[in-house]
PDB file of N, CA and C in Angstrom:
ATOM      1  N   ASP A   1      37.217  -3.826 -23.653  1.00  0.00           N
ATOM      2  CA  ASP A   1      37.433  -5.181 -23.158  1.00  0.00           C
ATOM      3  C   ASP A   1      36.151  -5.679 -22.496  1.00  0.00           C
ATOM      4  N   MET A   2      35.730  -6.869 -22.869  1.00  0.00           N
ATOM      5  CA  MET A   2      34.479  -7.431 -22.369  1.00  0.00           C
ATOM      6  C   MET A   2      34.512  -7.643 -20.864  1.00  0.00           C
ATOM      7  N   GLN A   3      35.615  -8.092 -20.318  1.00  0.00           N
ATOM      8  CA  GLN A   3      35.691  -8.339 -18.878  1.00  0.00           C
ATOM      9  C   GLN A   3      35.523  -7.040 -18.089  1.00  0.00           C
ATOM     10  N   LEU A   4      36.093  -5.977 -18.591  1.00  0.00           N
ATOM     11  CA  LEU A   4      35.949  -4.674 -17.943  1.00  0.00           C
ATOM     12  C   LEU A   4      34.473  -4.257 -17.929  1.00  0.00           C
ATOM     13  N   TYR A   5      33.798  -4.480 -19.032  1.00  0.00           N
ATOM     14  CA  TYR A   5      32.374  -4.152 -19.112  1.00  0.00           C
ATOM     15  C   TYR A   5      31.565  -5.006 -18.131  1.00  0.00           C
ATOM     16  N   VAL A   6      31.837  -6.291 -18.088  1.00  0.00           N
ATOM     17  CA  VAL A   6      31.133  -7.196 -17.168  1.00  0.00           C
ATOM     18  C   VAL A   6      31.374  -6.767 -15.731  1.00  0.00           C
ATOM     19  N   ASP A   7      32.603  -6.434 -15.393  1.00  0.00           N
ATOM     20  CA  ASP A   7      32.920  -5.970 -14.037  1.00  0.00           C
ATOM     21  C   ASP A   7      32.165  -4.686 -13.710  1.00  0.00           C
ATOM     22  N   HIS A   8      32.123  -3.783 -14.667  1.00  0.00           N
ATOM     23  CA  HIS A   8      31.419  -2.518 -14.468  1.00  0.00           C
ATOM     24  C   HIS A   8      29.928  -2.760 -14.208  1.00  0.00           C
ATOM     25  N   ILE A   9      29.310  -3.590 -15.023  1.00  0.00           N
ATOM     26  CA  ILE A   9      27.884  -3.886 -14.863  1.00  0.00           C
ATOM     27  C   ILE A   9      27.637  -4.609 -13.543  1.00  0.00           C
ATOM     28  N   THR A  10      28.501  -5.529 -13.183  1.00  0.00           N
ATOM     29  CA  THR A  10      28.361  -6.251 -11.919  1.00  0.00           C
ATOM     30  C   THR A  10      28.404  -5.289 -10.742  1.00  0.00           C
ATOM     31  N   GLU A  11      29.352  -4.368 -10.754  1.00  0.00           N
ATOM     32  CA  GLU A  11      29.449  -3.371  -9.686  1.00  0.00           C
ATOM     33  C   GLU A  11      28.220  -2.469  -9.667  1.00  0.00           C
ATOM     34  N   HIS A  12      27.769  -2.093 -10.845  1.00  0.00           N
ATOM     35  CA  HIS A  12      26.593  -1.231 -10.948  1.00  0.00           C
ATOM     36  C   HIS A  12      25.356  -1.933 -10.373  1.00  0.00           C
ATOM     37  N   LEU A  13      25.149  -3.176 -10.738  1.00  0.00           N
ATOM     38  CA  LEU A  13      24.002  -3.922 -10.229  1.00  0.00           C
ATOM     39  C   LEU A  13      24.091  -4.121  -8.722  1.00  0.00           C
ATOM     40  N   TRP A  14      25.295  -4.381  -8.216  1.00  0.00           N
ATOM     41  CA  TRP A  14      25.467  -4.524  -6.772  1.00  0.00           C
ATOM     42  C   TRP A  14      25.067  -3.230  -6.072  1.00  0.00           C
ATOM     43  N   LYS A  15      25.511  -2.113  -6.614  1.00  0.00           N
ATOM     44  CA  LYS A  15      25.187  -0.816  -6.017  1.00  0.00           C
ATOM     45  C   LYS A  15      23.676  -0.574  -6.036  1.00  0.00           C
ATOM     46  N   GLU A  16      23.034  -0.892  -7.144  1.00  0.00           N
ATOM     47  CA  GLU A  16      21.578  -0.727  -7.218  1.00  0.00           C
ATOM     48  C   GLU A  16      20.886  -1.592  -6.177  1.00  0.00           C
ATOM     49  N   ASN A  17      21.242  -2.863  -6.141  1.00  0.00           N
ATOM     50  CA  ASN A  17      20.569  -3.802  -5.245  1.00  0.00           C
ATOM     51  C   ASN A  17      20.838  -3.529  -3.775  1.00  0.00           C
ATOM     52  N   ASN A  18      22.041  -3.125  -3.441  1.00  0.00           N
ATOM     53  CA  ASN A  18      22.429  -3.008  -2.040  1.00  0.00           C
ATOM     54  C   ASN A  18      22.431  -1.589  -1.497  1.00  0.00           C
ATOM     55  N   LYS A  19      22.282  -0.616  -2.330  1.00  0.00           N
ATOM     56  CA  LYS A  19      22.286   0.772  -1.859  1.00  0.00           C
ATOM     57  C   LYS A  19      21.044   1.514  -2.331  1.00  0.00           C
ATOM     58  N   LEU A  20      20.905   1.676  -3.635  1.00  0.00           N
ATOM     59  CA  LEU A  20      19.842   2.523  -4.177  1.00  0.00           C
ATOM     60  C   LEU A  20      18.447   1.982  -3.894  1.00  0.00           C
ATOM     61  N   PHE A  21      18.236   0.683  -4.104  1.00  0.00           N
ATOM     62  CA  PHE A  21      16.914   0.119  -3.857  1.00  0.00           C
ATOM     63  C   PHE A  21      16.564   0.182  -2.381  1.00  0.00           C
ATOM     64  N   MET A  22      17.551  -0.028  -1.520  1.00  0.00           N
ATOM     65  CA  MET A  22      17.301   0.049  -0.081  1.00  0.00           C
ATOM     66  C   MET A  22      16.939   1.476   0.325  1.00  0.00           C
ATOM     67  N   MET A  23      17.616   2.453  -0.256  1.00  0.00           N
ATOM     68  CA  MET A  23      17.305   3.851   0.037  1.00  0.00           C
ATOM     69  C   MET A  23      15.896   4.189  -0.454  1.00  0.00           C
ATOM     70  N   ALA A  24      15.563   3.733  -1.641  1.00  0.00           N
ATOM     71  CA  ALA A  24      14.230   4.000  -2.192  1.00  0.00           C
ATOM     72  C   ALA A  24      13.154   3.325  -1.349  1.00  0.00           C
ATOM     73  N   GLU A  25      13.391   2.104  -0.934  1.00  0.00           N
ATOM     74  CA  GLU A  25      12.424   1.382  -0.104  1.00  0.00           C
ATOM     75  C   GLU A  25      12.189   2.102   1.215  1.00  0.00           C
ATOM     76  N   ALA A  26      13.251   2.582   1.836  1.00  0.00           N
ATOM     77  CA  ALA A  26      13.105   3.317   3.094  1.00  0.00           C
ATOM     78  C   ALA A  26      12.273   4.573   2.883  1.00  0.00           C
ATOM     79  N   ARG A  27      12.517   5.269   1.818  1.00  0.00           N
ATOM     80  CA  ARG A  27      11.762   6.496   1.525  1.00  0.00           C
ATOM     81  C   ARG A  27      10.300   6.176   1.233  1.00  0.00           C
ATOM     82  N   LEU A  28      10.063   5.125   0.462  1.00  0.00           N
ATOM     83  CA  LEU A  28       8.695   4.754   0.129  1.00  0.00           C
ATOM     84  C   LEU A  28       7.923   4.282   1.355  1.00  0.00           C
ATOM     85  N   GLN A  29       8.590   3.606   2.274  1.00  0.00           N
ATOM     86  CA  GLN A  29       7.920   3.177   3.502  1.00  0.00           C
ATOM     87  C   GLN A  29       7.446   4.385   4.290  1.00  0.00           C
ATOM     88  N   TYR A  30       8.279   5.417   4.371  1.00  0.00           N
ATOM     89  CA  TYR A  30       7.897   6.634   5.081  1.00  0.00           C
ATOM     90  C   TYR A  30       6.686   7.271   4.401  1.00  0.00           C
ATOM     91  N   VAL A  31       6.740   7.396   3.092  1.00  0.00           N
ATOM     92  CA  VAL A  31       5.639   8.016   2.348  1.00  0.00           C
ATOM     93  C   VAL A  31       4.368   7.183   2.503  1.00  0.00           C
ATOM     94  N   SER A  32       4.503   5.871   2.426  1.00  0.00           N
ATOM     95  CA  SER A  32       3.354   4.984   2.562  1.00  0.00           C
ATOM     96  C   SER A  32       2.705   5.139   3.932  1.00  0.00           C
ATOM     97  N   LYS A  33       3.506   5.208   4.971  1.00  0.00           N
ATOM     98  CA  LYS A  33       2.964   5.387   6.324  1.00  0.00           C
ATOM     99  C   LYS A  33       2.240   6.721   6.442  1.00  0.00           C
ATOM    100  N   LYS A  34       2.804   7.755   5.848  1.00  0.00           N
ATOM    101  CA  LYS A  34       2.176   9.075   5.908  1.00  0.00           C
ATOM    102  C   LYS A  34       0.856   9.079   5.146  1.00  0.00           C
ATOM    103  N   VAL A  35       0.832   8.493   3.968  1.00  0.00           N
ATOM    104  CA  VAL A  35      -0.408   8.431   3.181  1.00  0.00           C
ATOM    105  C   VAL A  35      -1.476   7.657   3.950  1.00  0.00           C
ATOM    106  N   ASN A  36      -1.105   6.517   4.530  1.00  0.00           N
ATOM    107  CA  ASN A  36      -2.069   5.728   5.296  1.00  0.00           C
ATOM    108  C   ASN A  36      -2.606   6.506   6.487  1.00  0.00           C
ATOM    109  N   ALA A  37      -1.724   7.205   7.191  1.00  0.00           N
ATOM    110  CA  ALA A  37      -2.160   8.003   8.340  1.00  0.00           C
ATOM    111  C   ALA A  37      -3.102   9.116   7.895  1.00  0.00           C
ATOM    112  N   ASP A  38      -2.773   9.783   6.802  1.00  0.00           N
ATOM    113  CA  ASP A  38      -3.637  10.851   6.285  1.00  0.00           C
ATOM    114  C   ASP A  38      -5.000  10.303   5.852  1.00  0.00           C
ATOM    115  N   LEU A  39      -5.003   9.148   5.197  1.00  0.00           N
ATOM    116  CA  LEU A  39      -6.271   8.538   4.786  1.00  0.00           C
ATOM    117  C   LEU A  39      -7.116   8.149   5.993  1.00  0.00           C
ATOM    118  N   ASP A  40      -6.478   7.606   7.021  1.00  0.00           N
ATOM    119  CA  ASP A  40      -7.204   7.252   8.244  1.00  0.00           C
ATOM    120  C   ASP A  40      -7.839   8.482   8.876  1.00  0.00           C
ATOM    121  N   THR A  41      -7.095   9.572   8.916  1.00  0.00           N
ATOM    122  CA  THR A  41      -7.614  10.816   9.489  1.00  0.00           C
ATOM    123  C   THR A  41      -8.822  11.316   8.703  1.00  0.00           C
ATOM    124  N   ILE A  42      -8.710  11.308   7.385  1.00  0.00           N
ATOM    125  CA  ILE A  42      -9.813  11.764   6.530  1.00  0.00           C
ATOM    126  C   ILE A  42     -11.023  10.851   6.691  1.00  0.00           C
ATOM    127  N   GLU A  43     -10.777   9.542   6.690  1.00  0.00           N
ATOM    128  CA  GLU A  43     -11.875   8.585   6.831  1.00  0.00           C
ATOM    129  C   GLU A  43     -12.609   8.805   8.151  1.00  0.00           C
ATOM    130  N   LYS A  44     -11.869   8.929   9.240  1.00  0.00           N
ATOM    131  CA  LYS A  44     -12.497   9.133  10.551  1.00  0.00           C
ATOM    132  C   LYS A  44     -13.296  10.424  10.578  1.00  0.00           C
ATOM    133  N   SER A  45     -12.767  11.469   9.988  1.00  0.00           N
ATOM    134  CA  SER A  45     -13.461  12.754   9.949  1.00  0.00           C
ATOM    135  C   SER A  45     -14.759  12.646   9.153  1.00  0.00           C
ATOM    136  N   GLN A  46     -14.690  12.014   7.985  1.00  0.00           N
ATOM    137  CA  GLN A  46     -15.879  11.873   7.141  1.00  0.00           C
ATOM    138  C   GLN A  46     -16.938  11.008   7.822  1.00  0.00           C
ATOM    139  N   LEU A  47     -16.498   9.905   8.421  1.00  0.00           N
ATOM    140  CA  LEU A  47     -17.443   9.023   9.101  1.00  0.00           C
ATOM    141  C   LEU A  47     -18.061   9.718  10.309  1.00  0.00           C
ATOM    142  N   ASN A  48     -17.250  10.484  11.028  1.00  0.00           N
ATOM    143  CA  ASN A  48     -17.749  11.229  12.178  1.00  0.00           C
ATOM    144  C   ASN A  48     -18.822  12.224  11.738  1.00  0.00           C
ATOM    145  N   ASP A  49     -18.581  12.905  10.621  1.00  0.00           N
ATOM    146  CA  ASP A  49     -19.563  13.858  10.091  1.00  0.00           C
ATOM    147  C   ASP A  49     -20.887  13.165   9.750  1.00  0.00           C
ATOM    148  N   LEU A  50     -20.804  11.909   9.320  1.00  0.00           N
ATOM    149  CA  LEU A  50     -22.002  11.148   8.959  1.00  0.00           C
ATOM    150  C   LEU A  50     -22.638  10.461  10.161  1.00  0.00           C
ATOM    151  N   GLY A  51     -21.916  10.433  11.273  1.00  0.00           N
ATOM    152  CA  GLY A  51     -22.410   9.720  12.448  1.00  0.00           C
ATOM    153  C   GLY A  51     -22.355   8.217  12.274  1.00  0.00           C
ATOM    154  N   LYS A  52     -21.433   7.754  11.452  1.00  0.00           N
ATOM    155  CA  LYS A  52     -21.285   6.323  11.173  1.00  0.00           C
ATOM    156  C   LYS A  52     -19.881   5.880  11.566  1.00  0.00           C
ATOM    157  N   SER A  53     -19.649   4.570  11.451  1.00  0.00           N
ATOM    158  CA  SER A  53     -18.322   4.022  11.732  1.00  0.00           C
ATOM    159  C   SER A  53     -17.906   3.122  10.577  1.00  0.00           C
ATOM    160  N   ARG A  54     -16.639   2.817  10.540  1.00  0.00           N
ATOM    161  CA  ARG A  54     -16.136   1.900   9.514  1.00  0.00           C
ATOM    162  C   ARG A  54     -16.813   0.540   9.671  1.00  0.00           C
ATOM    163  N   GLU A  55     -16.985   0.138  10.920  1.00  0.00           N
ATOM    164  CA  GLU A  55     -17.616  -1.151  11.202  1.00  0.00           C
ATOM    165  C   GLU A  55     -19.036  -1.202  10.629  1.00  0.00           C
ATOM    166  N   HIS A  56     -19.753  -0.089  10.707  1.00  0.00           N
ATOM    167  CA  HIS A  56     -21.109  -0.024  10.148  1.00  0.00           C
ATOM    168  C   HIS A  56     -21.086  -0.369   8.656  1.00  0.00           C
ATOM    169  N   TYR A  57     -20.165   0.236   7.930  1.00  0.00           N
ATOM    170  CA  TYR A  57     -20.104   0.004   6.482  1.00  0.00           C
ATOM    171  C   TYR A  57     -19.548  -1.375   6.146  1.00  0.00           C
ATOM    172  N   GLU A  58     -18.648  -1.898   6.978  1.00  0.00           N
ATOM    173  CA  GLU A  58     -18.157  -3.258   6.754  1.00  0.00           C
ATOM    174  C   GLU A  58     -19.285  -4.263   6.959  1.00  0.00           C
ATOM    175  N   GLU A  59     -20.096  -4.044   7.999  1.00  0.00           N
ATOM    176  CA  GLU A  59     -21.243  -4.920   8.247  1.00  0.00           C
ATOM    177  C   GLU A  59     -22.259  -4.812   7.107  1.00  0.00           C
ATOM    178  N   LEU A  60     -22.498  -3.602   6.633  1.00  0.00           N
ATOM    179  CA  LEU A  60     -23.405  -3.395   5.507  1.00  0.00           C
ATOM    180  C   LEU A  60     -22.921  -4.167   4.277  1.00  0.00           C
ATOM    181  N   ALA A  61     -21.634  -4.091   3.989  1.00  0.00           N
ATOM    182  CA  ALA A  61     -21.065  -4.803   2.837  1.00  0.00           C
ATOM    183  C   ALA A  61     -21.207  -6.314   3.010  1.00  0.00           C
ATOM    184  N   GLU A  62     -20.962  -6.814   4.218  1.00  0.00           N
ATOM    185  CA  GLU A  62     -21.117  -8.252   4.469  1.00  0.00           C
ATOM    186  C   GLU A  62     -22.568  -8.682   4.276  1.00  0.00           C
ATOM    187  N   ASN A  63     -23.502  -7.888   4.796  1.00  0.00           N
ATOM    188  CA  ASN A  63     -24.925  -8.217   4.645  1.00  0.00           C
ATOM    189  C   ASN A  63     -25.341  -8.211   3.177  1.00  0.00           C
ATOM    190  N   LEU A  64     -24.887  -7.221   2.423  1.00  0.00           N
ATOM    191  CA  LEU A  64     -25.216  -7.169   0.999  1.00  0.00           C
ATOM    192  C   LEU A  64     -24.639  -8.363   0.251  1.00  0.00           C
ATOM    193  N   THR A  65     -23.405  -8.719   0.582  1.00  0.00           N
ATOM    194  CA  THR A  65     -22.769  -9.879  -0.057  1.00  0.00           C
ATOM    195  C   THR A  65     -23.554 -11.142   0.247  1.00  0.00           C
ATOM    196  N   ARG A  66     -23.939 -11.315   1.511  1.00  0.00           N
ATOM    197  CA  ARG A  66     -24.709 -12.493   1.906  1.00  0.00           C
ATOM    198  C   ARG A  66     -26.070 -12.505   1.201  1.00  0.00           C
ATOM    199  N   ASP A  67     -26.744 -11.346   1.147  1.00  0.00           N
ATOM    200  CA  ASP A  67     -28.053 -11.276   0.493  1.00  0.00           C
ATOM    201  C   ASP A  67     -27.958 -11.609  -0.996  1.00  0.00           C
ATOM    202  N   VAL A  68     -26.937 -11.102  -1.659  1.00  0.00           N
ATOM    203  CA  VAL A  68     -26.750 -11.391  -3.083  1.00  0.00           C
ATOM    204  C   VAL A  68     -26.463 -12.874  -3.280  1.00  0.00           C
ATOM    205  N   SER A  69     -25.624 -13.446  -2.411  1.00  0.00           N
ATOM    206  CA  SER A  69     -25.304 -14.874  -2.514  1.00  0.00           C
ATOM    207  C   SER A  69     -26.551 -15.719  -2.296  1.00  0.00           C
ATOM    208  N   ASN A  70     -27.372 -15.334  -1.320  1.00  0.00           N
ATOM    209  CA  ASN A  70     -28.593 -16.093  -1.031  1.00  0.00           C
ATOM    210  C   ASN A  70     -29.612 -15.971  -2.155  1.00  0.00           C
ATOM    211  N   SER A  71     -29.654 -14.841  -2.824  1.00  0.00           N
ATOM    212  CA  SER A  71     -30.635 -14.654  -3.899  1.00  0.00           C
ATOM    213  C   SER A  71     -30.279 -15.469  -5.141  1.00  0.00           C
ATOM    214  N   LYS A  72     -29.020 -15.873  -5.257  1.00  0.00           N
ATOM    215  CA  LYS A  72     -28.598 -16.686  -6.405  1.00  0.00           C
ATOM    216  C   LYS A  72     -28.995 -18.143  -6.218  1.00  0.00           C
ATOM    217  N   ASN A  73     -29.248 -18.543  -4.976  1.00  0.00           N
ATOM    218  CA  ASN A  73     -29.564 -19.956  -4.687  1.00  0.00           C
ATOM    219  C   ASN A  73     -30.999 -20.243  -4.855  1.00  0.00           C
TER     220      ASN A  73
END
């Protein structure tokens, strides 16, 4: 029966949208936070070993961008 199938799919989609996707999102947020924290730790360690800071490299990138832009004019 088509109505039974439609009802089944409707219930299935509701469950996906309101339960499964929310559970997956919560899990992914945790993993994302952990990955970001681990990357920050590694970045700080590497920069510390070099005696540099993130700000140093951000400033370097800005200066290079400005120099390239100025050389085109």
